[in-house]
Protein backbone atom coordinates (compact mmCIF):
# COMPACT_ATOMS: atom_id res chain seq x y z
CA UNK A 1 0.00 0.00 0.00
CA UNK A 2 1.33 3.44 -0.97
CA UNK A 3 2.26 5.67 1.98
CA UNK A 4 0.72 8.84 0.54
CA UNK A 5 1.83 11.26 3.32
CA UNK A 6 5.44 10.10 2.96
CA UNK A 7 5.28 10.34 -0.85
CA UNK A 8 3.95 13.89 -0.52
CA UNK A 9 6.82 14.83 1.81
CA UNK A 10 9.40 13.32 -0.56
CA UNK A 11 7.94 15.14 -3.58
CA UNK A 12 7.97 18.46 -1.73
CA UNK A 13 11.58 17.92 -0.65
CA UNK A 14 12.53 16.98 -4.22
CA UNK A 15 10.81 20.02 -5.75
CA UNK A 16 12.49 22.42 -3.32
CA UNK A 17 15.94 21.03 -4.10
CA UNK A 18 15.44 20.94 -7.88
CA UNK A 19 14.60 24.65 -7.78
CA UNK A 20 17.65 25.30 -5.62
CA UNK A 21 19.93 23.55 -8.12
CA UNK A 22 18.39 25.49 -11.02
CA UNK A 23 19.59 28.76 -9.45
CA UNK A 24 22.89 28.06 -11.17
CA UNK A 25 21.11 27.90 -14.53
CA UNK A 26 19.83 31.44 -13.92
CA UNK A 27 23.40 32.64 -13.36
CA UNK A 28 24.62 31.07 -16.60
CA UNK A 29 21.67 32.53 -18.53
CA UNK A 30 22.40 35.94 -17.01
CA UNK A 31 26.01 35.76 -18.14
CA UNK A 32 25.08 34.66 -21.65
CA UNK A 33 22.43 37.34 -22.12
CA UNK A 34 24.27 39.98 -20.05
CA UNK A 35 21.00 40.40 -18.08
CA UNK A 36 21.90 39.28 -14.55
CA UNK A 37 19.15 41.19 -12.75
CA UNK A 38 16.51 40.02 -15.23
CA UNK A 39 17.59 36.39 -14.97
CA UNK A 40 17.25 36.41 -11.19
CA UNK A 41 13.95 38.29 -11.34
CA UNK A 42 12.50 35.52 -13.51
CA UNK A 43 14.10 32.83 -11.36
CA UNK A 44 12.46 34.35 -8.27
CA UNK A 45 9.09 33.41 -9.76
CA UNK A 46 10.11 29.77 -9.37
CA UNK A 47 11.49 30.53 -5.91
CA UNK A 48 8.00 31.64 -4.86
CA UNK A 49 6.68 28.17 -5.65
CA UNK A 50 9.66 26.59 -3.89
CA UNK A 51 9.10 28.63 -0.72
CA UNK A 52 5.42 27.82 -0.77
CA UNK A 53 6.33 24.12 -0.92
CA UNK A 54 8.81 24.63 1.91
CA UNK A 55 6.12 26.19 4.10
CA UNK A 56 4.15 22.94 3.78
CA UNK A 57 7.12 20.60 4.26
CA UNK A 58 7.69 21.43 7.95
CA UNK A 59 4.08 20.83 9.04
CA UNK A 60 3.89 17.62 7.01
CA UNK A 61 7.09 16.34 8.64
CA UNK A 62 5.78 17.33 12.07
CA UNK A 63 2.52 15.48 11.39
CA UNK A 64 4.54 12.45 10.30
CA UNK A 65 6.39 12.45 13.62
CA UNK A 66 3.20 12.89 15.63
CA UNK A 67 1.54 10.02 13.75
CA UNK A 68 4.52 7.71 14.25
CA UNK A 69 4.64 8.48 17.96
CA UNK A 70 0.91 7.92 18.49
CA UNK A 71 0.78 4.60 16.63
CA UNK A 72 3.92 3.29 18.35
CA UNK A 73 6.12 3.17 15.23
CA UNK A 74 8.50 5.94 16.27
CA UNK A 75 11.52 3.69 15.67
CA UNK A 76 10.87 4.03 11.92
CA UNK A 77 11.11 7.83 12.04
CA UNK A 78 14.87 7.90 11.52
CA UNK A 79 14.46 5.97 8.26
CA UNK A 80 11.72 8.39 7.18
CA UNK A 81 14.05 11.35 7.78
CA UNK A 82 16.81 9.60 5.83
CA UNK A 83 14.41 9.15 2.93
CA UNK A 84 13.65 12.88 2.98
CA UNK A 85 17.37 13.68 2.76
CA UNK A 86 17.84 11.03 0.06
CA UNK A 87 15.06 12.69 -1.95
CA UNK A 88 16.95 15.97 -1.61
CA UNK A 89 20.12 14.35 -2.98
CA UNK A 90 18.34 12.71 -5.92
CA UNK A 91 16.53 15.95 -6.72
CA UNK A 92 19.78 17.93 -6.57
CA UNK A 93 21.36 15.49 -9.02
CA UNK A 94 18.34 15.85 -11.33
CA UNK A 95 18.62 19.63 -11.00
CA UNK A 96 22.29 19.51 -12.00
CA UNK A 97 21.39 17.52 -15.12
CA UNK A 98 18.68 20.08 -15.88
CA UNK A 99 21.01 23.10 -15.59
CA UNK A 100 21.87 23.25 -19.35
CA UNK A 101 18.19 22.93 -20.25
CA UNK A 102 17.22 25.48 -17.60
CA UNK A 103 19.85 27.90 -18.83
CA UNK A 104 18.42 27.79 -22.36
CA UNK A 105 14.86 28.24 -21.08
CA UNK A 106 15.89 31.20 -18.91
CA UNK A 107 17.75 32.78 -21.83
CA UNK A 108 14.68 32.42 -24.08
CA UNK A 109 12.42 33.83 -21.34
CA UNK A 110 14.74 36.79 -20.79
CA UNK A 111 14.73 37.61 -24.51
CA UNK A 112 10.94 37.32 -24.75
CA UNK A 113 10.34 39.35 -21.58
CA UNK A 114 12.72 42.07 -22.77
CA UNK A 115 10.43 42.64 -25.76
CA UNK A 116 7.04 42.22 -24.04
CA UNK A 117 7.65 43.14 -20.39
CA UNK A 118 4.66 41.31 -18.96
CA UNK A 119 4.90 38.47 -16.44
CA UNK A 120 1.32 37.42 -17.18
CA UNK A 121 1.98 37.21 -20.92
CA UNK A 122 5.20 35.31 -20.22
CA UNK A 123 3.28 32.73 -18.15
CA UNK A 124 0.68 32.37 -20.91
CA UNK A 125 3.44 32.10 -23.50
CA UNK A 126 5.12 29.32 -21.50
CA UNK A 127 1.91 27.26 -21.58
CA UNK A 128 1.21 27.92 -25.26
CA UNK A 129 2.21 25.57 -28.13
CA UNK A 130 5.06 27.96 -28.94
CA UNK A 131 6.30 27.80 -25.36
CA UNK A 132 6.18 24.02 -25.39
CA UNK A 133 8.18 24.01 -28.63
CA UNK A 134 10.78 26.23 -26.97
CA UNK A 135 10.91 23.81 -24.05
CA UNK A 136 11.39 20.88 -26.41
CA UNK A 137 14.17 22.67 -28.31
CA UNK A 138 15.85 23.59 -25.03
CA UNK A 139 16.13 20.00 -23.83
CA UNK A 140 19.76 18.96 -23.87
CA UNK A 141 22.05 16.43 -22.26
CA UNK A 142 24.75 18.02 -20.07
CA UNK A 143 28.32 17.70 -21.24
CA UNK A 144 31.34 17.54 -18.96
CA UNK A 145 33.77 18.42 -21.76
CA UNK A 146 34.13 21.98 -20.42
CA UNK A 147 35.67 20.63 -17.22
CA UNK A 148 38.98 20.05 -19.06
CA UNK A 149 40.14 17.14 -16.99
CA UNK A 150 38.41 18.46 -13.85
CA UNK A 151 40.86 21.35 -13.57
CA UNK A 152 39.94 23.84 -10.84
CA UNK A 153 38.75 27.09 -12.47
CA UNK A 154 40.31 30.45 -11.65
CA UNK A 155 38.45 32.52 -9.07
CA UNK A 156 37.25 29.60 -6.98
CA UNK A 157 39.16 27.30 -4.67
CA UNK A 158 38.75 24.25 -2.51
CA UNK A 159 37.90 26.44 0.47
CA UNK A 160 34.78 27.77 -1.28
CA UNK A 161 33.74 24.28 -2.40
CA UNK A 162 34.20 22.79 1.07
CA UNK A 163 32.35 25.71 2.68
CA UNK A 164 29.50 25.34 0.19
CA UNK A 165 29.35 21.60 0.81
CA UNK A 166 29.14 22.16 4.57
CA UNK A 167 26.57 24.96 4.24
CA UNK A 168 24.33 22.92 1.95
CA UNK A 169 24.53 19.88 4.25
CA UNK A 170 23.52 21.97 7.26
CA UNK A 171 20.69 23.65 5.36
CA UNK A 172 19.42 20.27 4.22
CA UNK A 173 19.50 18.74 7.68
CA UNK A 174 18.44 21.71 9.84
CA UNK A 175 14.64 21.44 9.79
CA UNK A 176 14.65 17.64 9.57
CA UNK A 177 17.01 17.33 12.54
CA UNK A 178 15.03 19.79 14.67
CA UNK A 179 11.81 17.85 14.10
CA UNK A 180 13.48 14.48 14.75
CA UNK A 181 14.94 15.98 17.93
CA UNK A 182 11.33 16.38 19.05
CA UNK A 183 11.05 12.60 18.95
CA UNK A 184 14.29 12.18 20.92
CA UNK A 185 13.09 14.66 23.55
CA UNK A 186 9.28 14.44 23.36
CA UNK A 187 8.72 16.45 26.53
CA UNK A 188 10.41 19.43 24.82
CA UNK A 189 9.07 18.70 21.33
CA UNK A 190 7.85 22.24 20.61
CA UNK A 191 11.12 23.78 21.78
CA UNK A 192 13.16 21.38 19.64
CA UNK A 193 11.07 22.12 16.54
CA UNK A 194 11.93 25.83 16.88
CA UNK A 195 15.68 25.24 17.13
CA UNK A 196 16.45 24.59 13.46
CA UNK A 197 18.17 28.01 13.47
CA UNK A 198 20.85 26.45 15.65
CA UNK A 199 21.96 24.50 12.57
CA UNK A 200 20.69 26.70 9.74
CA UNK A 201 22.09 29.92 11.21
CA UNK A 202 25.70 28.82 10.81
CA UNK A 203 24.94 27.55 7.30
CA UNK A 204 23.33 30.86 6.34
CA UNK A 205 26.38 32.79 7.54
CA UNK A 206 28.65 30.54 5.46
CA UNK A 207 26.44 30.86 2.40
CA UNK A 208 25.80 34.59 2.36
CA UNK A 209 29.02 35.88 3.92
CA UNK A 210 31.62 33.70 2.19
CA UNK A 211 30.20 31.73 -0.75
CA UNK A 212 27.67 33.99 -2.51
CA UNK A 213 30.06 36.99 -2.66
CA UNK A 214 32.71 34.82 -4.34
CA UNK A 215 30.25 33.47 -6.89
CA UNK A 216 28.74 36.92 -7.47
CA UNK A 217 32.15 38.47 -8.17
CA UNK A 218 32.91 35.67 -10.62
CA UNK A 219 29.51 36.20 -12.28
CA UNK A 220 30.25 39.92 -12.73
CA UNK A 221 33.72 39.10 -14.08
CA UNK A 222 32.18 36.71 -16.59
CA UNK A 223 29.69 39.38 -17.74
CA UNK A 224 32.53 41.89 -18.16
CA UNK A 225 34.66 39.37 -20.05
CA UNK A 226 37.35 39.17 -17.36
CA UNK A 227 36.57 35.46 -16.87
CA UNK A 228 36.11 33.09 -19.79
CA UNK A 229 32.56 31.70 -20.02
CA UNK A 230 33.92 28.16 -20.12
CA UNK A 231 35.73 28.84 -16.81
CA UNK A 232 32.52 30.23 -15.36
CA UNK A 233 30.52 27.18 -16.44
CA UNK A 234 33.21 24.94 -14.97
CA UNK A 235 33.00 26.85 -11.67
CA UNK A 236 29.22 26.42 -11.65
CA UNK A 237 29.63 22.68 -12.24
CA UNK A 238 32.03 22.37 -9.30
CA UNK A 239 29.73 24.42 -7.07
CA UNK A 240 26.76 22.26 -8.13
CA UNK A 241 28.64 19.07 -7.36
CA UNK A 242 29.67 20.41 -3.94
CA UNK A 243 25.98 21.08 -3.29
CA UNK A 244 25.21 17.46 -4.17
CA UNK A 245 27.95 16.16 -1.87
CA UNK A 246 26.53 18.40 0.87
CA UNK A 247 23.07 16.83 0.64
CA UNK A 248 24.69 13.39 0.85
CA UNK A 249 26.76 14.47 3.87
CA UNK A 250 23.52 15.55 5.54
CA UNK A 251 22.70 11.87 6.02
CA UNK A 252 25.70 11.50 8.33
CA UNK A 253 24.90 14.75 10.16
CA UNK A 254 21.22 13.91 10.82
CA UNK A 255 21.62 12.02 14.11
CA UNK A 256 24.39 14.22 15.62
CA UNK A 257 22.45 17.38 14.71
CA UNK A 258 19.22 15.99 16.16
CA UNK A 259 20.99 14.95 19.38
CA UNK A 260 22.57 18.40 19.69
CA UNK A 261 19.21 20.12 19.25
CA UNK A 262 17.54 17.74 21.72
CA UNK A 263 20.28 18.46 24.28
CA UNK A 264 19.88 22.22 23.83
CA UNK A 265 16.08 21.91 24.08
CA UNK A 266 16.38 20.01 27.38
CA UNK A 267 19.28 21.71 29.14
CA UNK A 268 19.61 25.25 27.79
């Protein structure tokens, strides 16, 4: 029998992470069209759907935990949480494969919007036969030929990749760990569920203080021609792969993070 609540949770987790991975496609499209602000404005439309999905994910996970506890199957919760993180990893991998296709779609949308300047018309265009033809023409298989033997691109180093990997792993595990901590410390379940910031806060600092500025500078350099586009695409590929590794690392961090949050909920 299909576990519909769990399937719903996994699909929401997958959708959120696919959108996150496609952020890199928006950067590439911005560089190619020289319309960085426009590319992110259009991408933010997708982010709205992603954030809406994220607002449902937490309550659905909380309901899953409550249900497991009440029917006496709480021991299976850890496996459920692992499945959620696994869905994030699979979705991130799918998102990486979709980056070339997404980049072409964003570039086409930027060009069309530049001429028409109407979000409503753009949405209608996307659902029209012409929009579907554009989608079909944009479909492409990613190529790793631009990696040139996996050589590290200029402007990005191992420090950035490791920091991004750690930040993405903490972001992936934060909410899940805080909710699972509620199972480990049921008497402080509400407190534990509000402590995801204990994990996500550090990840957010890493992401916005150290990683995004580096990638933004490289994006501007690519627009100005200071960085070769092939180098920029190679940097995006490495960043994407570090994001994937981060979601996989989240599996190992789930139990320690949940235990830390449970300890803080009980003793602090």
